[in-house]
């Protein structure tokens, strides 16, 4: 297994993210917002600079953590997202990244999985043309609030070569349906998993709260044992959402990114990455 971090969990500055990666001997970096901007807004020149700097430091850009289709289901919004996807695919080409993240629309009643699946026809054509893969993520704010629902959608789309999944067990602590991250969520989505996001959380009387990896309600011991047993050789990418001295608010949880989101993340990210590496070392011997 390889390790990375979503850079804006701690900084908007690429040099700072690279120093973090070097400190923890990471294999790659995952990008969401950088220089205070989403990836689709960065110039081709800046994207080429990012690629060059990362490659010079021996770091792969392992995924683009985009917000594609994290929007309303309206036709107007879907059309705007298709244009965004075109820019994201160009960004992925420039930084030499094979995968990007997507979602399945903010929750709305009376929209069926079959309707959602049909909206991926245009994205599928663009993905095939670009030779890239879209990885969908379950999220409590979207139609696929958990991995069971995401599995049903992916089975309906039935294009595993082009549209796969990100396993995010920490999101299950926020799931309104109460899916258990492991083994339930893991076993549901395992056939489609190409990438994994790592966060931990606990349920409190005020609601779920992100905490340091290994101190929450996600069974990372079980997950890591299962991944090692299955021979998973993809990335574990830290998406901490945990901050020292403050809690990320609901709006930032729904649409993460930017300088305010990154604020206070460096110390917490270091704590969680160290904890994750200790857990891996214990299992590898």
Protein backbone atom coordinates (compact mmCIF):
# COMPACT_ATOMS: atom_id res chain seq x y z
CA UNK A 1 0.00 0.00 0.00
CA UNK A 2 1.08 3.54 -0.76
CA UNK A 3 0.49 6.68 1.30
CA UNK A 4 -0.57 10.21 0.40
CA UNK A 5 -2.44 13.19 1.80
CA UNK A 6 -5.04 15.49 0.31
CA UNK A 7 -2.86 18.57 0.44
CA UNK A 8 -5.48 21.14 1.44
CA UNK A 9 -6.18 19.20 4.61
CA UNK A 10 -3.15 21.07 5.93
CA UNK A 11 -2.10 23.80 3.49
CA UNK A 12 -2.73 25.69 0.27
CA UNK A 13 1.02 25.89 -0.33
CA UNK A 14 2.56 23.18 -2.50
CA UNK A 15 6.03 23.55 -0.97
CA UNK A 16 4.63 22.98 2.53
CA UNK A 17 2.75 19.90 1.32
CA UNK A 18 5.94 18.52 -0.20
CA UNK A 19 7.85 19.06 3.05
CA UNK A 20 5.12 17.11 4.86
CA UNK A 21 5.37 14.31 2.28
CA UNK A 22 9.14 14.16 2.70
CA UNK A 23 8.90 14.11 6.50
CA UNK A 24 6.56 11.10 6.41
CA UNK A 25 8.11 9.43 3.33
CA UNK A 26 4.85 9.54 1.38
CA UNK A 27 4.54 8.11 -2.11
CA UNK A 28 2.28 10.79 -3.53
CA UNK A 29 0.00 13.77 -3.09
CA UNK A 30 -3.70 14.15 -3.77
CA UNK A 31 -4.93 17.56 -4.91
CA UNK A 32 -8.27 19.28 -4.20
CA UNK A 33 -7.65 23.02 -3.80
CA UNK A 34 -4.25 24.66 -4.07
CA UNK A 35 -3.25 28.33 -4.06
CA UNK A 36 -6.80 28.90 -2.79
CA UNK A 37 -8.35 27.60 -6.02
CA UNK A 38 -10.06 24.39 -7.17
CA UNK A 39 -8.13 22.39 -9.73
CA UNK A 40 -10.38 23.28 -12.64
CA UNK A 41 -9.57 27.00 -12.08
CA UNK A 42 -5.78 26.62 -12.20
CA UNK A 43 -3.96 27.71 -15.33
CA UNK A 44 -2.25 25.19 -17.57
CA UNK A 45 1.06 26.85 -16.68
CA UNK A 46 0.47 26.38 -12.94
CA UNK A 47 -0.63 22.77 -13.41
CA UNK A 48 2.53 22.05 -15.38
CA UNK A 49 4.60 23.64 -12.59
CA UNK A 50 2.86 21.43 -10.01
CA UNK A 51 3.56 18.33 -12.07
CA UNK A 52 7.22 19.28 -12.52
CA UNK A 53 7.81 20.06 -8.84
CA UNK A 54 6.13 16.87 -7.64
CA UNK A 55 8.00 14.70 -10.11
CA UNK A 56 11.30 16.33 -9.18
CA UNK A 57 10.61 15.32 -5.57
CA UNK A 58 9.65 11.77 -6.53
CA UNK A 59 5.96 12.26 -5.69
CA UNK A 60 3.11 10.92 -7.78
CA UNK A 61 -0.08 12.95 -8.07
CA UNK A 62 -2.28 10.03 -7.16
CA UNK A 63 -5.78 11.48 -7.54
CA UNK A 64 -7.65 14.71 -8.21
CA UNK A 65 -10.15 15.09 -5.37
CA UNK A 66 -12.63 17.08 -7.42
CA UNK A 67 -16.21 17.99 -6.52
CA UNK A 68 -17.63 16.76 -9.84
CA UNK A 69 -21.40 16.14 -9.58
CA UNK A 70 -21.45 17.34 -5.95
CA UNK A 71 -24.26 19.65 -6.93
CA UNK A 72 -28.00 19.75 -7.44
CA UNK A 73 -29.61 17.33 -9.90
CA UNK A 74 -31.02 20.15 -12.05
CA UNK A 75 -30.32 19.94 -15.77
CA UNK A 76 -28.69 23.37 -15.78
CA UNK A 77 -26.27 22.37 -13.04
CA UNK A 78 -25.50 19.04 -14.69
CA UNK A 79 -24.55 20.81 -17.90
CA UNK A 80 -22.21 23.13 -15.99
CA UNK A 81 -20.61 20.12 -14.34
CA UNK A 82 -19.93 18.50 -17.70
CA UNK A 83 -17.97 21.59 -18.70
CA UNK A 84 -16.12 21.38 -15.39
CA UNK A 85 -15.30 17.74 -16.06
CA UNK A 86 -13.71 18.70 -19.37
CA UNK A 87 -11.41 21.12 -17.54
CA UNK A 88 -10.65 18.53 -14.87
CA UNK A 89 -9.72 15.93 -17.46
CA UNK A 90 -7.37 18.42 -19.07
CA UNK A 91 -5.85 19.10 -15.64
CA UNK A 92 -5.45 15.36 -15.06
CA UNK A 93 -3.66 15.07 -18.39
CA UNK A 94 -1.26 17.90 -17.55
CA UNK A 95 -0.35 16.59 -14.09
CA UNK A 96 -0.23 13.00 -15.37
CA UNK A 97 -2.90 11.67 -13.02
CA UNK A 98 -5.13 8.76 -14.04
CA UNK A 99 -8.05 9.21 -11.65
CA UNK A 100 -10.36 11.90 -10.36
CA UNK A 101 -13.10 11.88 -7.76
CA UNK A 102 -16.81 12.39 -8.32
CA UNK A 103 -20.11 12.17 -6.47
CA UNK A 104 -23.79 11.44 -7.10
CA UNK A 105 -25.55 14.80 -6.54
CA UNK A 106 -26.83 16.44 -3.38
CA UNK A 107 -29.73 14.51 -1.89
CA UNK A 108 -33.15 15.10 -3.44
CA UNK A 109 -36.31 13.08 -3.02
CA UNK A 110 -37.90 11.19 -5.91
CA UNK A 111 -34.70 10.78 -7.93
CA UNK A 112 -34.01 7.10 -8.63
CA UNK A 113 -30.64 5.33 -8.94
CA UNK A 114 -31.54 4.62 -12.56
CA UNK A 115 -32.00 8.33 -13.25
CA UNK A 116 -28.69 9.09 -11.58
CA UNK A 117 -26.96 6.34 -13.55
CA UNK A 118 -28.23 7.78 -16.83
CA UNK A 119 -26.50 11.11 -16.10
CA UNK A 120 -23.13 9.38 -16.34
CA UNK A 121 -23.48 8.70 -20.07
CA UNK A 122 -21.80 11.97 -21.10
CA UNK A 123 -19.07 11.71 -18.45
CA UNK A 124 -18.39 8.14 -19.54
CA UNK A 125 -17.79 9.24 -23.14
CA UNK A 126 -15.41 11.98 -21.96
CA UNK A 127 -13.55 9.55 -19.68
CA UNK A 128 -13.08 7.04 -22.47
CA UNK A 129 -11.81 9.73 -24.82
CA UNK A 130 -9.34 11.00 -22.19
CA UNK A 131 -8.31 7.56 -20.96
CA UNK A 132 -9.04 8.50 -17.35
CA UNK A 133 -11.09 6.89 -14.57
CA UNK A 134 -13.75 8.53 -12.39
CA UNK A 135 -13.93 7.31 -8.79
CA UNK A 136 -17.23 7.94 -7.01
CA UNK A 137 -17.38 8.51 -3.27
CA UNK A 138 -20.25 8.01 -0.84
CA UNK A 139 -21.02 11.08 1.27
CA UNK A 140 -23.80 11.89 3.75
CA UNK A 141 -24.87 14.95 1.74
CA UNK A 142 -25.35 13.17 -1.61
CA UNK A 143 -27.72 10.56 -3.03
CA UNK A 144 -25.32 7.73 -2.19
CA UNK A 145 -25.01 8.36 1.54
CA UNK A 146 -23.17 5.09 2.14
CA UNK A 147 -21.27 2.33 0.38
CA UNK A 148 -24.32 0.09 -0.03
CA UNK A 149 -26.08 2.80 -2.03
CA UNK A 150 -22.91 3.55 -3.98
CA UNK A 151 -22.51 -0.14 -4.84
CA UNK A 152 -26.07 -0.19 -6.21
CA UNK A 153 -25.34 2.84 -8.39
CA UNK A 154 -22.08 1.39 -9.69
CA UNK A 155 -23.78 -1.92 -10.45
CA UNK A 156 -26.41 0.01 -12.40
CA UNK A 157 -23.82 2.02 -14.36
CA UNK A 158 -21.82 -1.20 -14.89
CA UNK A 159 -18.69 0.39 -16.35
CA UNK A 160 -15.99 -0.70 -13.86
CA UNK A 161 -13.13 0.02 -16.26
CA UNK A 162 -14.05 3.71 -16.29
CA UNK A 163 -16.12 4.39 -13.17
CA UNK A 164 -14.97 2.90 -9.88
CA UNK A 165 -15.07 3.83 -6.19
CA UNK A 166 -13.25 5.51 -3.37
CA UNK A 167 -13.70 3.75 -0.04
CA UNK A 168 -14.10 6.36 2.71
CA UNK A 169 -14.92 4.55 5.96
CA UNK A 170 -14.89 7.76 7.99
CA UNK A 171 -17.84 9.10 6.02
CA UNK A 172 -19.94 6.22 7.36
CA UNK A 173 -19.86 7.75 10.85
CA UNK A 174 -21.85 10.62 9.30
CA UNK A 175 -24.20 8.33 7.33
CA UNK A 176 -27.86 9.03 8.19
CA UNK A 177 -28.55 5.34 7.58
CA UNK A 178 -25.88 4.31 10.10
CA UNK A 179 -23.81 2.02 7.89
CA UNK A 180 -20.97 0.33 9.80
CA UNK A 181 -17.68 1.15 8.03
CA UNK A 182 -16.16 -2.28 8.55
CA UNK A 183 -17.05 -4.91 7.70
CA UNK A 184 -20.36 -3.73 6.18
CA UNK A 185 -19.29 -0.75 4.07
CA UNK A 186 -16.01 -2.35 3.07
CA UNK A 187 -17.55 -5.59 1.86
CA UNK A 188 -20.21 -3.72 -0.10
CA UNK A 189 -17.81 -1.58 -2.11
CA UNK A 190 -14.67 -3.76 -2.20
CA UNK A 191 -15.10 -4.96 -5.83
CA UNK A 192 -15.00 -1.37 -7.10
CA UNK A 193 -12.35 0.15 -4.81
CA UNK A 194 -9.42 1.86 -6.56
CA UNK A 195 -8.49 4.43 -3.89
CA UNK A 196 -9.06 4.91 -0.15
CA UNK A 197 -9.57 8.05 1.94
CA UNK A 198 -8.57 7.89 5.59
CA UNK A 199 -10.41 9.84 8.28
CA UNK A 200 -11.77 8.89 11.71
CA UNK A 201 -14.72 10.22 13.70
CA UNK A 202 -16.85 9.69 16.78
CA UNK A 203 -20.55 10.19 17.41
CA UNK A 204 -21.20 12.78 20.12
CA UNK A 205 -24.46 14.21 21.52
CA UNK A 206 -23.87 17.18 19.18
CA UNK A 207 -23.27 14.93 16.18
CA UNK A 208 -20.25 13.30 14.51
CA UNK A 209 -16.81 14.85 15.01
CA UNK A 210 -13.55 13.98 13.26
CA UNK A 211 -10.66 12.85 15.48
CA UNK A 212 -7.14 11.51 15.12
CA UNK A 213 -6.84 8.27 13.15
CA UNK A 214 -7.26 5.25 15.41
CA UNK A 215 -9.08 7.10 18.19
CA UNK A 216 -12.56 7.11 16.65
CA UNK A 217 -15.25 4.59 15.76
CA UNK A 218 -13.80 3.38 12.46
CA UNK A 219 -12.30 -0.10 12.84
CA UNK A 220 -9.00 0.68 11.13
CA UNK A 221 -7.37 -2.40 12.65
CA UNK A 222 -9.90 -4.57 10.83
CA UNK A 223 -9.72 -2.51 7.63
CA UNK A 224 -5.92 -2.58 7.42
CA UNK A 225 -5.84 -6.31 8.14
CA UNK A 226 -8.39 -6.90 5.37
CA UNK A 227 -6.51 -4.71 2.90
CA UNK A 228 -3.22 -6.47 3.58
CA UNK A 229 -4.88 -9.88 3.28
CA UNK A 230 -6.48 -8.92 -0.05
CA UNK A 231 -3.23 -7.61 -1.51
CA UNK A 232 -4.54 -4.06 -2.02
CA UNK A 233 -1.68 -2.06 -3.54
CA UNK A 234 -3.36 1.31 -4.07
CA UNK A 235 -3.24 4.47 -2.00
CA UNK A 236 -4.34 5.27 1.51
CA UNK A 237 -4.82 9.02 1.29
CA UNK A 238 -5.26 11.05 4.48
CA UNK A 239 -8.39 13.23 4.33
CA UNK A 240 -8.19 14.12 7.98
CA UNK A 241 -11.01 16.66 8.54
CA UNK A 242 -9.53 16.80 12.07
CA UNK A 243 -8.09 20.06 13.37
CA UNK A 244 -6.26 20.99 16.55
CA UNK A 245 -8.18 23.59 18.51
CA UNK A 246 -11.19 23.87 16.23
CA UNK A 247 -13.87 21.83 14.49
CA UNK A 248 -14.63 22.06 10.78
CA UNK A 249 -18.15 23.42 10.38
CA UNK A 250 -20.94 21.79 8.39
CA UNK A 251 -20.49 24.04 5.35
CA UNK A 252 -16.79 23.17 5.15
CA UNK A 253 -17.56 19.47 5.56
CA UNK A 254 -20.02 19.70 2.66
CA UNK A 255 -17.70 21.70 0.39
CA UNK A 256 -14.12 21.31 1.67
CA UNK A 257 -11.34 23.46 0.27
CA UNK A 258 -9.66 26.85 0.47
CA UNK A 259 -7.50 28.60 3.04
CA UNK A 260 -10.09 28.70 5.83
CA UNK A 261 -10.58 24.95 5.48
CA UNK A 262 -6.84 24.26 5.62
CA UNK A 263 -6.29 26.49 8.67
CA UNK A 264 -4.98 24.57 11.67
CA UNK A 265 -4.60 21.31 9.80
CA UNK A 266 -0.83 20.79 9.79
CA UNK A 267 -0.40 19.59 13.39
CA UNK A 268 -3.50 17.39 13.23
CA UNK A 269 -2.40 15.89 9.90
CA UNK A 270 1.02 15.05 11.34
CA UNK A 271 -0.61 13.38 14.35
CA UNK A 272 -2.93 11.29 12.18
CA UNK A 273 -0.30 10.31 9.62
CA UNK A 274 2.04 9.17 12.40
CA UNK A 275 -0.78 7.11 13.91
CA UNK A 276 -1.62 5.51 10.55
CA UNK A 277 2.00 4.62 9.94
CA UNK A 278 2.30 3.05 13.39
CA UNK A 279 -0.73 0.88 12.67
CA UNK A 280 0.72 -0.22 9.34
CA UNK A 281 4.13 -0.97 10.89
CA UNK A 282 2.51 -3.14 13.58
CA UNK A 283 0.86 -5.22 10.90
CA UNK A 284 3.79 -5.49 8.54
CA UNK A 285 6.18 -6.52 11.32
